Structures are given as C-alpha cells and as structure tokens.
Amino acid sequence: MACSNRYHQFASQYTFKSPDGLPDYSNLDDWAAHPYKHDPSDSVPRALLDGYRPDSSADVFFIHPTTYTAKERPFGWNAPVDDADLNAKTDYSTILFQASIFNAAGRVFSPRYRQASLSAYYPKNADDTTHARAAFELAYQDVKTAFLYYLQNNNNGRPIIIAAHSQGTTHAKRLLKELFDGKPLQSRLVVAYLIGMPLEPDYFSTIPFCASPLQTGCACSWRTYKEGYTPEFIKQEKFISVVTNPLTWNAASPLANRSLNTGGVLLNFNKPVKKVANANVGKGLLWTDKPHFFGNFLLRSNNYHIADMNLYYLSIRENVKQRVVAFQKK
C-alpha cells in the first residue's frame, strides 16, 4: 500500500512476514507497542522530559484506530499485520501521538491486528454490509486474542487501563463488555478511555461512567466537533451518547474554558500547545470552538475526530496518572 512519504523512512525496519497471516502475539513484531521493546509509545514531548517518571505499576492496553484508509482496499476488507508501510504509518501516527499519552501512568501494550478497512464503516449495499461485519469480527478476534495473551503472559495481576480511539473503541467496548463487565476482571479496571465512537448509556451492566476526576473502575467517552455542529448521522442516533469533559472530568462541570487546557500535542509532537481548545458537553457530543494553533489543519472542518485525543493530550496524561494513584489507594 502506498503511504505518505512521511512513513517510508521508517518502513524498512518492518521486514518480518507472517507465514499464514495470523498474528503471533508471542512475537514482539506483532505488537505496535510493548514494554519489552523500544517503540514510539515510549516517546515524550521534549517540553515534558524534565520531571518525567514512568510508572510500571499499572498496564495500559491501547487499541489503535483505523490506519488502513486506502479507498481501493488493496488488501481486501482487512489489513495484514505484516505490511511494512502500513505498520510504519500506524506506529508514527497513532502510537506516537496517542498511545504515548499513557507512558507515564503504566506500561503500554498495543497489538497489531487485522484491522477493518475504513470503508467498512460506510457500506454501500447489502453485500458490503456482510463483508463489513465479517471484517470487524475478524479484527475484534485478533484484539481479543492479543488481550488474552497479554493477560496470561504479561499482566501478573497489575491494574489495567483500557484506552482506544475510533475503530479501536469499537473493539474496546466489546472487549470490556465480554471480559470485564460483571466479571472478576472488573476489579482490576482502573479506567477505560473509549474515545471517538458513541457510547450508549445502557451499554454496560455494571461498569459505571466516569463522573469525577478520581473515580476508578469507570469509562470515559467523547466525540469532538466544532461548537454547535451536529452531523446528520448523529442526529439519527436513537440515544444520547455518554460524554466526558476531558478538561474537567466532572459530570457536574460540563463546560470548560480553553484556559483549563494545559496542552494539546498536534502536528509538532515536541511542542504542546496550551489553551488549544475548550470543551463543552452538549447533545451527546463534545464541542469546542475553533482550535488555536499555528498551521491549524482543522481550520475548514467541523469534525475534529482525528484530534479527539490530541487536543487534550496533557489533560488526559495527567488524569490517567491521577486515577492510577486513586486506584492504588483503594
């Protein structure tokens, strides 16, 4: 698959090939992020290096969003886990700019998986719908296999943070529902960050939604759009999605001025931008005024999905550390 030139310089390091296409989670190559190897999730913005202290007392299982975005679907409905260009694209985009948020709060694990094509979210006919459902099922089974492997071989009873964005959240919700919700494993859940996809208010039976900054064992969620904008497809949803304000983390404080935003990490990883965006909860969405940063690639867009986590990078980073401490005190 042709990726942008930005990633070609990294692709040569991905030379492995899976003989049958199945991920092998005993092989570090089949992890985009893993504490037993150096990877982009270990990165820290230069401005944060002073005082950076990684904490290995908890684990973060991060499920990355869709990076298989080619309209022509060169690999079919699911991407392989051993394509060099696609893996470089994944690692130096979402793993660097999203998974790295969590590296001060725990060890970061992020599996490669046979992700569904972006087009699986937009089937054009009944045949496409059938293929799309099968693609998401295959992708989920890889994610579940990776998590169970991690649980058996690496967790050793540590507290667990589930974090995900977009397609990753599609799979994370199901993983939590099947393996945590009302199950013994729920006692190890510090928090779940389920970002970029709707979260139905009745989705979980026993996992609550986070209502305060230090609450543990709960789930957070938001989808970011320009202030006052609601896409048509969201207007058709038959529920009002759960929304967490990523600046206040408090259900009683749904509105937050950009002055509370300690920094977003956007095009320049090493330069967090303070006061980049405000955060207002409304109509099942997170709204913000036009983000303030040089080279604003969101200038002509009402949809800030791609930056759901990055606009609030430092706020999330601090919150997850606080919740780990609160969990340990319990």
C-alpha atoms as a PDB file:
ATOM      1  CA  MET A   1       0.000   0.000   0.000  1.00  0.00           C
ATOM      2  CA  ALA A   2       1.284   3.449  -0.807  1.00  0.00           C
ATOM      3  CA  CYS A   3       1.707   5.566   2.327  1.00  0.00           C
ATOM      4  CA  SER A   4       2.739   9.193   2.525  1.00  0.00           C
ATOM      5  CA  ASN A   5       6.481   9.857   2.264  1.00  0.00           C
ATOM      6  CA  ARG A   6       6.461  10.696   5.959  1.00  0.00           C
ATOM      7  CA  TYR A   7       6.412   6.999   6.825  1.00  0.00           C
ATOM      8  CA  HIS A   8       8.643   5.468   4.134  1.00  0.00           C
ATOM      9  CA  GLN A   9      11.801   6.311   6.064  1.00  0.00           C
ATOM     10  CA  PHE A  10      10.609   4.028   8.873  1.00  0.00           C
ATOM     11  CA  ALA A  11       9.186   1.178   6.795  1.00  0.00           C
ATOM     12  CA  SER A  12      12.486  -0.621   6.250  1.00  0.00           C
ATOM     13  CA  GLN A  13      12.587  -1.725   9.892  1.00  0.00           C
ATOM     14  CA  TYR A  14       9.429  -3.805   9.357  1.00  0.00           C
ATOM     15  CA  THR A  15      10.807  -6.752   7.428  1.00  0.00           C
ATOM     16  CA  PHE A  16       9.026  -9.649   9.125  1.00  0.00           C
ATOM     17  CA  LYS A  17       6.370 -11.709   7.362  1.00  0.00           C
ATOM     18  CA  SER A  18       3.692 -13.861   8.941  1.00  0.00           C
ATOM     19  CA  PRO A  19       3.532 -17.153   7.015  1.00  0.00           C
ATOM     20  CA  ASP A  20      -0.241 -17.603   7.443  1.00  0.00           C
ATOM     21  CA  GLY A  21      -1.418 -14.058   8.060  1.00  0.00           C
ATOM     22  CA  LEU A  22      -2.309 -14.788  11.680  1.00  0.00           C
ATOM     23  CA  PRO A  23      -0.807 -12.503  14.314  1.00  0.00           C
ATOM     24  CA  ASP A  24       1.542 -14.249  16.715  1.00  0.00           C
ATOM     25  CA  TYR A  25       1.434 -12.327  19.964  1.00  0.00           C
ATOM     26  CA  SER A  26       4.429 -14.184  21.357  1.00  0.00           C
ATOM     27  CA  ASN A  27       6.373 -12.285  18.664  1.00  0.00           C
ATOM     28  CA  LEU A  28       7.147  -8.684  19.574  1.00  0.00           C
ATOM     29  CA  ASP A  29       6.878  -7.746  15.889  1.00  0.00           C
ATOM     30  CA  ASP A  30       3.122  -8.261  16.182  1.00  0.00           C
ATOM     31  CA  TRP A  31       2.873  -5.550  18.813  1.00  0.00           C
ATOM     32  CA  ALA A  32       2.918  -1.914  17.774  1.00  0.00           C
ATOM     33  CA  ALA A  33       3.770  -1.039  21.365  1.00  0.00           C
ATOM     34  CA  HIS A  34       5.204  -3.289  24.043  1.00  0.00           C
ATOM     35  CA  PRO A  35       7.285  -2.616  27.171  1.00  0.00           C
ATOM     36  CA  TYR A  36       9.854  -5.218  26.085  1.00  0.00           C
ATOM     37  CA  LYS A  37      10.895  -3.211  23.037  1.00  0.00           C
ATOM     38  CA  HIS A  38      11.537   0.425  22.195  1.00  0.00           C
ATOM     39  CA  ASP A  39       8.720   1.899  20.126  1.00  0.00           C
ATOM     40  CA  PRO A  40       7.049   5.284  19.510  1.00  0.00           C
ATOM     41  CA  SER A  41       4.739   4.874  22.523  1.00  0.00           C
ATOM     42  CA  ASP A  42       7.846   5.455  24.660  1.00  0.00           C
ATOM     43  CA  SER A  43       8.198   8.972  23.267  1.00  0.00           C
ATOM     44  CA  VAL A  44       7.737  12.024  25.477  1.00  0.00           C
ATOM     45  CA  PRO A  45       7.343  15.576  24.119  1.00  0.00           C
ATOM     46  CA  ARG A  46      10.593  17.416  24.768  1.00  0.00           C
ATOM     47  CA  ALA A  47       8.840  20.005  26.908  1.00  0.00           C
ATOM     48  CA  LEU A  48       7.727  17.258  29.318  1.00  0.00           C
ATOM     49  CA  LEU A  49      11.025  15.414  29.724  1.00  0.00           C
ATOM     50  CA  ASP A  50      12.037  17.370  32.810  1.00  0.00           C
ATOM     51  CA  GLY A  51      10.408  15.516  35.662  1.00  0.00           C
ATOM     52  CA  TYR A  52       9.204  12.589  33.531  1.00  0.00           C
ATOM     53  CA  ARG A  53       8.943   9.483  35.676  1.00  0.00           C
ATOM     54  CA  PRO A  54       7.469   6.351  34.067  1.00  0.00           C
ATOM     55  CA  ASP A  55       5.368   4.152  36.349  1.00  0.00           C
ATOM     56  CA  SER A  56       5.160   0.414  35.726  1.00  0.00           C
ATOM     57  CA  SER A  57       2.688  -0.426  38.485  1.00  0.00           C
ATOM     58  CA  ALA A  58      -0.238  -0.444  36.019  1.00  0.00           C
ATOM     59  CA  ASP A  59      -0.690  -1.587  32.430  1.00  0.00           C
ATOM     60  CA  VAL A  60      -2.270   0.231  29.502  1.00  0.00           C
ATOM     61  CA  PHE A  61      -3.863  -1.824  26.750  1.00  0.00           C
ATOM     62  CA  PHE A  62      -4.218   0.592  23.823  1.00  0.00           C
ATOM     63  CA  ILE A  63      -6.239  -0.337  20.723  1.00  0.00           C
ATOM     64  CA  HIS A  64      -5.274   1.883  17.823  1.00  0.00           C
ATOM     65  CA  PRO A  65      -7.715   3.461  15.344  1.00  0.00           C
ATOM     66  CA  THR A  66      -8.033   2.711  11.643  1.00  0.00           C
ATOM     67  CA  THR A  67      -4.877   3.348   9.659  1.00  0.00           C
ATOM     68  CA  TYR A  68      -5.994   1.173   6.725  1.00  0.00           C
ATOM     69  CA  THR A  69      -7.707   4.023   4.907  1.00  0.00           C
ATOM     70  CA  ALA A  70      -6.995   3.376   1.209  1.00  0.00           C
ATOM     71  CA  LYS A  71     -10.238   3.661  -0.755  1.00  0.00           C
ATOM     72  CA  GLU A  72      -9.262   0.886  -3.172  1.00  0.00           C
ATOM     73  CA  ARG A  73      -8.768  -1.622  -0.306  1.00  0.00           C
ATOM     74  CA  PRO A  74      -5.519  -3.155  -1.672  1.00  0.00           C
ATOM     75  CA  PHE A  75      -5.606  -5.917   0.958  1.00  0.00           C
ATOM     76  CA  GLY A  76      -9.336  -6.562   0.825  1.00  0.00           C
ATOM     77  CA  TRP A  77     -11.615  -5.810   3.764  1.00  0.00           C
ATOM     78  CA  ASN A  78      -8.927  -6.439   6.412  1.00  0.00           C
ATOM     79  CA  ALA A  79      -5.337  -5.240   6.550  1.00  0.00           C
ATOM     80  CA  PRO A  80      -2.481  -7.667   7.229  1.00  0.00           C
ATOM     81  CA  VAL A  81      -0.306  -7.258  10.308  1.00  0.00           C
ATOM     82  CA  ASP A  82       2.958  -7.546   8.383  1.00  0.00           C
ATOM     83  CA  ASP A  83       2.786  -4.782   5.781  1.00  0.00           C
ATOM     84  CA  ALA A  84       5.818  -2.560   6.322  1.00  0.00           C
ATOM     85  CA  ASP A  85       4.333   0.707   5.099  1.00  0.00           C
ATOM     86  CA  LEU A  86       1.086   0.312   7.000  1.00  0.00           C
ATOM     87  CA  ASN A  87       2.886  -0.597  10.216  1.00  0.00           C
ATOM     88  CA  ALA A  88       5.163   2.417   9.894  1.00  0.00           C
ATOM     89  CA  LYS A  89       2.113   4.595   9.306  1.00  0.00           C
ATOM     90  CA  THR A  90       0.440   3.170  12.413  1.00  0.00           C
ATOM     91  CA  ASP A  91       3.473   3.485  14.650  1.00  0.00           C
ATOM     92  CA  TYR A  92       4.441   7.016  13.688  1.00  0.00           C
ATOM     93  CA  SER A  93       0.919   8.380  13.809  1.00  0.00           C
ATOM     94  CA  THR A  94      -1.447   6.903  16.391  1.00  0.00           C
ATOM     95  CA  ILE A  95       1.152   5.080  18.520  1.00  0.00           C
ATOM     96  CA  LEU A  96       3.344   8.175  18.686  1.00  0.00           C
ATOM     97  CA  PHE A  97       0.604  10.788  19.038  1.00  0.00           C
ATOM     98  CA  GLN A  98      -1.976   8.845  21.072  1.00  0.00           C
ATOM     99  CA  ALA A  99      -0.516   5.806  22.849  1.00  0.00           C
ATOM    100  CA  SER A 100       2.350   7.927  24.184  1.00  0.00           C
ATOM    101  CA  ILE A 101      -0.161   9.863  26.289  1.00  0.00           C
ATOM    102  CA  PHE A 102      -0.202   6.959  28.722  1.00  0.00           C
ATOM    103  CA  ASN A 103       3.503   6.152  29.136  1.00  0.00           C
ATOM    104  CA  ALA A 104       3.862   7.985  32.464  1.00  0.00           C
ATOM    105  CA  ALA A 105       0.979   6.044  34.009  1.00  0.00           C
ATOM    106  CA  GLY A 106       1.756   2.467  33.045  1.00  0.00           C
ATOM    107  CA  ARG A 107       3.380   0.004  30.665  1.00  0.00           C
ATOM    108  CA  VAL A 108       1.882   0.395  27.201  1.00  0.00           C
ATOM    109  CA  PHE A 109       0.756  -2.625  25.174  1.00  0.00           C
ATOM    110  CA  SER A 110      -0.796  -2.110  21.729  1.00  0.00           C
ATOM    111  CA  PRO A 111      -1.354  -5.071  19.417  1.00  0.00           C
ATOM    112  CA  ARG A 112      -1.200  -5.102  15.675  1.00  0.00           C
ATOM    113  CA  TYR A 113      -4.439  -6.566  14.419  1.00  0.00           C
ATOM    114  CA  ARG A 114      -6.093  -7.264  11.101  1.00  0.00           C
ATOM    115  CA  GLN A 115      -7.987  -4.010  11.233  1.00  0.00           C
ATOM    116  CA  ALA A 116     -11.096  -3.500   9.137  1.00  0.00           C
ATOM    117  CA  SER A 117     -10.832  -1.086   6.244  1.00  0.00           C
ATOM    118  CA  LEU A 118     -12.162   2.411   6.851  1.00  0.00           C
ATOM    119  CA  SER A 119     -14.743   1.690   4.156  1.00  0.00           C
ATOM    120  CA  ALA A 120     -16.272  -0.981   6.409  1.00  0.00           C
ATOM    121  CA  TYR A 121     -17.886   1.898   8.322  1.00  0.00           C
ATOM    122  CA  TYR A 122     -19.625   3.057   5.132  1.00  0.00           C
ATOM    123  CA  PRO A 123     -21.144   0.023   3.349  1.00  0.00           C
ATOM    124  CA  LYS A 124     -22.878   0.910   0.096  1.00  0.00           C
ATOM    125  CA  ASN A 125     -25.137  -2.137  -0.227  1.00  0.00           C
ATOM    126  CA  ALA A 126     -26.158  -5.407   1.441  1.00  0.00           C
ATOM    127  CA  ASP A 127     -23.112  -7.250   0.119  1.00  0.00           C
ATOM    128  CA  ASP A 128     -20.812  -4.575   1.526  1.00  0.00           C
ATOM    129  CA  THR A 129     -22.624  -4.796   4.858  1.00  0.00           C
ATOM    130  CA  THR A 130     -21.975  -8.547   5.044  1.00  0.00           C
ATOM    131  CA  HIS A 131     -18.279  -8.057   4.270  1.00  0.00           C
ATOM    132  CA  ALA A 132     -18.010  -5.184   6.733  1.00  0.00           C
ATOM    133  CA  ARG A 133     -19.479  -7.190   9.589  1.00  0.00           C
ATOM    134  CA  ALA A 134     -17.084 -10.048   8.865  1.00  0.00           C
ATOM    135  CA  ALA A 135     -14.170  -7.599   8.734  1.00  0.00           C
ATOM    136  CA  PHE A 136     -14.978  -6.127  12.138  1.00  0.00           C
ATOM    137  CA  GLU A 137     -15.432  -9.618  13.589  1.00  0.00           C
ATOM    138  CA  LEU A 138     -12.013 -10.727  12.332  1.00  0.00           C
ATOM    139  CA  ALA A 139     -10.400  -7.565  13.669  1.00  0.00           C
ATOM    140  CA  TYR A 140     -12.045  -7.987  17.063  1.00  0.00           C
ATOM    141  CA  GLN A 141     -10.973 -11.606  17.390  1.00  0.00           C
ATOM    142  CA  ASP A 142      -7.345 -10.527  16.891  1.00  0.00           C
ATOM    143  CA  VAL A 143      -7.712  -7.834  19.561  1.00  0.00           C
ATOM    144  CA  LYS A 144      -9.291 -10.290  21.984  1.00  0.00           C
ATOM    145  CA  THR A 145      -6.590 -12.896  21.293  1.00  0.00           C
ATOM    146  CA  ALA A 146      -3.908 -10.264  21.932  1.00  0.00           C
ATOM    147  CA  PHE A 147      -5.514  -9.186  25.187  1.00  0.00           C
ATOM    148  CA  LEU A 148      -5.871 -12.746  26.457  1.00  0.00           C
ATOM    149  CA  TYR A 149      -2.236 -13.437  25.555  1.00  0.00           C
ATOM    150  CA  TYR A 150      -1.177 -10.292  27.415  1.00  0.00           C
ATOM    151  CA  LEU A 151      -3.349 -11.217  30.389  1.00  0.00           C
ATOM    152  CA  GLN A 152      -1.858 -14.688  30.677  1.00  0.00           C
ATOM    153  CA  ASN A 153       1.770 -13.797  29.982  1.00  0.00           C
ATOM    154  CA  ASN A 154       2.396 -10.189  30.984  1.00  0.00           C
ATOM    155  CA  ASN A 155      -0.186  -8.773  33.378  1.00  0.00           C
ATOM    156  CA  ASN A 156       0.713 -10.597  36.602  1.00  0.00           C
ATOM    157  CA  GLY A 157      -2.208  -9.075  38.498  1.00  0.00           C
ATOM    158  CA  ARG A 158      -1.475  -5.439  37.641  1.00  0.00           C
ATOM    159  CA  PRO A 159      -4.240  -2.822  37.404  1.00  0.00           C
ATOM    160  CA  ILE A 160      -5.423  -2.345  33.806  1.00  0.00           C
ATOM    161  CA  ILE A 161      -6.248   0.762  31.795  1.00  0.00           C
ATOM    162  CA  ILE A 162      -8.112   0.247  28.532  1.00  0.00           C
ATOM    163  CA  ALA A 163      -7.582   3.064  26.032  1.00  0.00           C
ATOM    164  CA  ALA A 164      -8.762   3.290  22.446  1.00  0.00           C
ATOM    165  CA  HIS A 165      -9.749   5.597  19.633  1.00  0.00           C
ATOM    166  CA  SER A 166     -12.150   5.213  16.697  1.00  0.00           C
ATOM    167  CA  GLN A 167     -12.060   1.608  15.386  1.00  0.00           C
ATOM    168  CA  GLY A 168     -10.047   0.777  18.472  1.00  0.00           C
ATOM    169  CA  THR A 169     -13.006   1.912  20.554  1.00  0.00           C
ATOM    170  CA  THR A 170     -15.369  -0.234  18.508  1.00  0.00           C
ATOM    171  CA  HIS A 171     -13.343  -3.230  19.689  1.00  0.00           C
ATOM    172  CA  ALA A 172     -12.574  -1.930  23.197  1.00  0.00           C
ATOM    173  CA  LYS A 173     -16.260  -1.573  24.053  1.00  0.00           C
ATOM    174  CA  ARG A 174     -16.897  -5.202  23.145  1.00  0.00           C
ATOM    175  CA  LEU A 175     -13.765  -6.372  24.960  1.00  0.00           C
ATOM    176  CA  LEU A 176     -14.912  -4.642  28.142  1.00  0.00           C
ATOM    177  CA  LYS A 177     -18.436  -5.998  27.750  1.00  0.00           C
ATOM    178  CA  GLU A 178     -17.261  -9.583  27.300  1.00  0.00           C
ATOM    179  CA  LEU A 179     -14.310  -9.775  29.700  1.00  0.00           C
ATOM    180  CA  PHE A 180     -14.808  -7.078  32.371  1.00  0.00           C
ATOM    181  CA  ASP A 181     -18.454  -6.113  32.764  1.00  0.00           C
ATOM    182  CA  GLY A 182     -19.729  -8.043  35.778  1.00  0.00           C
ATOM    183  CA  LYS A 183     -16.699 -10.360  35.633  1.00  0.00           C
ATOM    184  CA  PRO A 184     -13.851 -10.815  38.161  1.00  0.00           C
ATOM    185  CA  LEU A 185     -11.502  -8.859  35.886  1.00  0.00           C
ATOM    186  CA  GLN A 186     -13.572  -5.728  36.502  1.00  0.00           C
ATOM    187  CA  SER A 187     -11.863  -5.387  39.892  1.00  0.00           C
ATOM    188  CA  ARG A 188      -8.586  -4.647  38.071  1.00  0.00           C
ATOM    189  CA  LEU A 189     -10.000  -1.941  35.802  1.00  0.00           C
ATOM    190  CA  VAL A 190      -8.561   1.487  36.629  1.00  0.00           C
ATOM    191  CA  VAL A 191     -10.411   3.326  33.861  1.00  0.00           C
ATOM    192  CA  ALA A 192     -11.413   2.949  30.219  1.00  0.00           C
ATOM    193  CA  TYR A 193     -10.926   5.779  27.723  1.00  0.00           C
ATOM    194  CA  LEU A 194     -13.342   4.953  24.888  1.00  0.00           C
ATOM    195  CA  ILE A 195     -12.781   7.850  22.524  1.00  0.00           C
ATOM    196  CA  GLY A 196     -14.141   8.771  19.117  1.00  0.00           C
ATOM    197  CA  MET A 197     -17.164   6.478  18.984  1.00  0.00           C
ATOM    198  CA  PRO A 198     -20.603   6.711  20.603  1.00  0.00           C
ATOM    199  CA  LEU A 199     -21.081   5.045  23.966  1.00  0.00           C
ATOM    200  CA  GLU A 200     -24.671   4.052  24.623  1.00  0.00           C
ATOM    201  CA  PRO A 201     -25.858   4.923  28.157  1.00  0.00           C
ATOM    202  CA  ASP A 202     -27.076   1.350  28.698  1.00  0.00           C
ATOM    203  CA  TYR A 203     -24.131  -0.418  27.038  1.00  0.00           C
ATOM    204  CA  PHE A 204     -22.573  -1.794  30.221  1.00  0.00           C
ATOM    205  CA  SER A 205     -24.382  -3.598  33.016  1.00  0.00           C
ATOM    206  CA  THR A 206     -22.022  -2.864  35.917  1.00  0.00           C
ATOM    207  CA  ILE A 207     -19.230  -0.609  34.622  1.00  0.00           C
ATOM    208  CA  PRO A 208     -20.227   2.972  35.530  1.00  0.00           C
ATOM    209  CA  PHE A 209     -19.431   6.090  33.539  1.00  0.00           C
ATOM    210  CA  CYS A 210     -16.816   8.404  34.992  1.00  0.00           C
ATOM    211  CA  ALA A 211     -18.424  11.342  36.803  1.00  0.00           C
ATOM    212  CA  SER A 212     -15.425  12.737  38.685  1.00  0.00           C
ATOM    213  CA  PRO A 213     -11.671  13.094  38.021  1.00  0.00           C
ATOM    214  CA  LEU A 214     -10.510  10.480  40.532  1.00  0.00           C
ATOM    215  CA  GLN A 215     -13.231   7.878  40.039  1.00  0.00           C
ATOM    216  CA  THR A 216     -11.894   4.449  39.107  1.00  0.00           C
ATOM    217  CA  GLY A 217     -13.367   1.344  37.513  1.00  0.00           C
ATOM    218  CA  CYS A 218     -15.329   3.585  35.136  1.00  0.00           C
ATOM    219  CA  ALA A 219     -15.489   4.513  31.440  1.00  0.00           C
ATOM    220  CA  CYS A 220     -14.926   7.886  29.732  1.00  0.00           C
ATOM    221  CA  SER A 221     -16.016   8.802  26.213  1.00  0.00           C
ATOM    222  CA  TRP A 222     -16.281  11.775  23.863  1.00  0.00           C
ATOM    223  CA  ARG A 223     -16.504  12.764  20.191  1.00  0.00           C
ATOM    224  CA  THR A 224     -15.220  16.220  19.261  1.00  0.00           C
ATOM    225  CA  TYR A 225     -16.899  18.656  16.861  1.00  0.00           C
ATOM    226  CA  LYS A 226     -16.963  22.384  16.254  1.00  0.00           C
ATOM    227  CA  GLU A 227     -19.189  24.265  18.699  1.00  0.00           C
ATOM    228  CA  GLY A 228     -22.860  23.878  17.765  1.00  0.00           C
ATOM    229  CA  TYR A 229     -22.304  21.393  14.922  1.00  0.00           C
ATOM    230  CA  THR A 230     -24.112  18.054  14.944  1.00  0.00           C
ATOM    231  CA  PRO A 231     -23.602  15.738  11.934  1.00  0.00           C
ATOM    232  CA  GLU A 232     -26.711  14.255  10.365  1.00  0.00           C
ATOM    233  CA  PHE A 233     -25.753  10.688  11.224  1.00  0.00           C
ATOM    234  CA  ILE A 234     -25.572  11.612  14.903  1.00  0.00           C
ATOM    235  CA  LYS A 235     -28.992  13.230  14.728  1.00  0.00           C
ATOM    236  CA  GLN A 236     -30.274   9.804  13.663  1.00  0.00           C
ATOM    237  CA  GLU A 237     -28.870   8.005  16.717  1.00  0.00           C
ATOM    238  CA  LYS A 238     -31.628   6.666  18.952  1.00  0.00           C
ATOM    239  CA  PHE A 239     -29.766   7.507  22.157  1.00  0.00           C
ATOM    240  CA  ILE A 240     -27.711  10.331  23.617  1.00  0.00           C
ATOM    241  CA  SER A 241     -24.129   9.156  23.885  1.00  0.00           C
ATOM    242  CA  VAL A 242     -22.171   9.327  27.103  1.00  0.00           C
ATOM    243  CA  VAL A 243     -19.818  12.322  27.041  1.00  0.00           C
ATOM    244  CA  THR A 244     -16.975  13.072  29.440  1.00  0.00           C
ATOM    245  CA  ASN A 245     -15.440  16.523  29.526  1.00  0.00           C
ATOM    246  CA  PRO A 246     -11.669  15.928  29.110  1.00  0.00           C
ATOM    247  CA  LEU A 247     -10.768  19.199  30.825  1.00  0.00           C
ATOM    248  CA  THR A 248     -12.903  18.982  33.978  1.00  0.00           C
ATOM    249  CA  TRP A 249     -13.565  15.205  34.110  1.00  0.00           C
ATOM    250  CA  ASN A 250     -16.595  16.168  36.168  1.00  0.00           C
ATOM    251  CA  ALA A 251     -20.197  15.476  35.167  1.00  0.00           C
ATOM    252  CA  ALA A 252     -21.235  18.468  37.259  1.00  0.00           C
ATOM    253  CA  SER A 253     -18.967  20.771  35.199  1.00  0.00           C
ATOM    254  CA  PRO A 254     -19.865  20.179  31.538  1.00  0.00           C
ATOM    255  CA  LEU A 255     -18.377  23.464  30.279  1.00  0.00           C
ATOM    256  CA  ALA A 256     -14.674  24.285  30.319  1.00  0.00           C
ATOM    257  CA  ASN A 257     -12.810  27.328  29.069  1.00  0.00           C
ATOM    258  CA  ARG A 258      -9.679  26.782  26.975  1.00  0.00           C
ATOM    259  CA  SER A 259      -7.656  28.309  29.824  1.00  0.00           C
ATOM    260  CA  LEU A 260      -8.002  24.924  31.564  1.00  0.00           C
ATOM    261  CA  ASN A 261      -6.324  23.155  28.650  1.00  0.00           C
ATOM    262  CA  THR A 262      -2.732  22.591  29.765  1.00  0.00           C
ATOM    263  CA  GLY A 263      -1.670  21.456  26.307  1.00  0.00           C
ATOM    264  CA  GLY A 264      -2.549  19.655  23.126  1.00  0.00           C
ATOM    265  CA  VAL A 265       0.003  17.760  21.034  1.00  0.00           C
ATOM    266  CA  LEU A 266      -0.707  18.178  17.355  1.00  0.00           C
ATOM    267  CA  LEU A 267       1.485  18.468  14.260  1.00  0.00           C
ATOM    268  CA  ASN A 268       4.660  19.145  16.241  1.00  0.00           C
ATOM    269  CA  PHE A 269       4.979  16.356  18.791  1.00  0.00           C
ATOM    270  CA  ASN A 270       7.628  18.161  20.796  1.00  0.00           C
ATOM    271  CA  LYS A 271       5.687  21.401  21.299  1.00  0.00           C
ATOM    272  CA  PRO A 272       2.459  21.072  23.311  1.00  0.00           C
ATOM    273  CA  VAL A 273       0.077  23.954  22.621  1.00  0.00           C
ATOM    274  CA  LYS A 274      -1.527  25.467  25.710  1.00  0.00           C
ATOM    275  CA  LYS A 275      -5.146  26.658  25.612  1.00  0.00           C
ATOM    276  CA  VAL A 276      -5.558  24.999  22.218  1.00  0.00           C
ATOM    277  CA  ALA A 277      -9.233  24.108  22.680  1.00  0.00           C
ATOM    278  CA  ASN A 278     -12.108  24.488  25.110  1.00  0.00           C
ATOM    279  CA  ALA A 279     -14.520  21.655  25.881  1.00  0.00           C
ATOM    280  CA  ASN A 280     -18.298  21.871  26.193  1.00  0.00           C
ATOM    281  CA  VAL A 281     -20.619  18.894  26.567  1.00  0.00           C
ATOM    282  CA  GLY A 282     -23.836  19.092  24.573  1.00  0.00           C
ATOM    283  CA  LYS A 283     -26.301  16.799  22.789  1.00  0.00           C
ATOM    284  CA  GLY A 284     -24.174  13.680  23.138  1.00  0.00           C
ATOM    285  CA  LEU A 285     -21.070  15.399  21.749  1.00  0.00           C
ATOM    286  CA  LEU A 286     -18.026  17.319  22.901  1.00  0.00           C
ATOM    287  CA  TRP A 287     -17.968  20.764  21.317  1.00  0.00           C
ATOM    288  CA  THR A 288     -15.081  23.167  21.045  1.00  0.00           C
ATOM    289  CA  ASP A 289     -14.523  26.497  19.358  1.00  0.00           C
ATOM    290  CA  LYS A 290     -12.067  26.509  16.500  1.00  0.00           C
ATOM    291  CA  PRO A 291      -8.767  25.192  17.937  1.00  0.00           C
ATOM    292  CA  HIS A 292      -5.959  27.755  18.265  1.00  0.00           C
ATOM    293  CA  PHE A 293      -2.618  26.625  16.884  1.00  0.00           C
ATOM    294  CA  PHE A 294      -0.209  27.502  14.111  1.00  0.00           C
ATOM    295  CA  GLY A 295      -0.817  25.587  10.893  1.00  0.00           C
ATOM    296  CA  ASN A 296      -4.334  24.637  12.001  1.00  0.00           C
ATOM    297  CA  PHE A 297      -5.226  21.677   9.780  1.00  0.00           C
ATOM    298  CA  LEU A 298      -8.745  21.707  11.270  1.00  0.00           C
ATOM    299  CA  LEU A 299      -9.414  25.233  10.020  1.00  0.00           C
ATOM    300  CA  ARG A 300     -12.012  24.262   7.394  1.00  0.00           C
ATOM    301  CA  SER A 301     -13.513  21.327   9.265  1.00  0.00           C
ATOM    302  CA  ASN A 302     -16.405  20.969  11.700  1.00  0.00           C
ATOM    303  CA  ASN A 303     -15.315  17.433  12.564  1.00  0.00           C
ATOM    304  CA  TYR A 304     -12.352  17.132  14.949  1.00  0.00           C
ATOM    305  CA  HIS A 305     -12.423  13.334  15.187  1.00  0.00           C
ATOM    306  CA  ILE A 306      -8.812  12.955  14.133  1.00  0.00           C
ATOM    307  CA  ALA A 307      -7.756  15.142  17.080  1.00  0.00           C
ATOM    308  CA  ASP A 308     -10.143  13.750  19.727  1.00  0.00           C
ATOM    309  CA  MET A 309      -7.242  12.832  21.991  1.00  0.00           C
ATOM    310  CA  ASN A 310      -4.546  15.196  20.805  1.00  0.00           C
ATOM    311  CA  LEU A 311      -6.443  18.405  21.575  1.00  0.00           C
ATOM    312  CA  TYR A 312      -6.499  17.275  25.219  1.00  0.00           C
ATOM    313  CA  TYR A 313      -3.192  15.374  25.335  1.00  0.00           C
ATOM    314  CA  LEU A 314      -1.785  16.765  28.593  1.00  0.00           C
ATOM    315  CA  SER A 315      -5.136  16.727  30.346  1.00  0.00           C
ATOM    316  CA  ILE A 316      -5.582  13.027  29.589  1.00  0.00           C
ATOM    317  CA  ARG A 317      -1.974  12.340  30.536  1.00  0.00           C
ATOM    318  CA  GLU A 318      -2.439  13.915  33.953  1.00  0.00           C
ATOM    319  CA  ASN A 319      -5.856  12.380  34.539  1.00  0.00           C
ATOM    320  CA  VAL A 320      -4.737   8.812  33.931  1.00  0.00           C
ATOM    321  CA  LYS A 321      -1.856   9.246  36.396  1.00  0.00           C
ATOM    322  CA  GLN A 322      -4.284  10.597  38.990  1.00  0.00           C
ATOM    323  CA  ARG A 323      -6.669   7.683  38.529  1.00  0.00           C
ATOM    324  CA  VAL A 324      -3.854   5.151  38.916  1.00  0.00           C
ATOM    325  CA  VAL A 325      -2.904   6.749  42.234  1.00  0.00           C
ATOM    326  CA  ALA A 326      -6.552   6.760  43.343  1.00  0.00           C
ATOM    327  CA  PHE A 327      -6.881   3.087  42.365  1.00  0.00           C
ATOM    328  CA  GLN A 328      -3.788   2.156  44.342  1.00  0.00           C
ATOM    329  CA  LYS A 329      -5.093   3.963  47.423  1.00  0.00           C
ATOM    330  CA  LYS A 330      -8.278   1.888  47.224  1.00  0.00           C
END
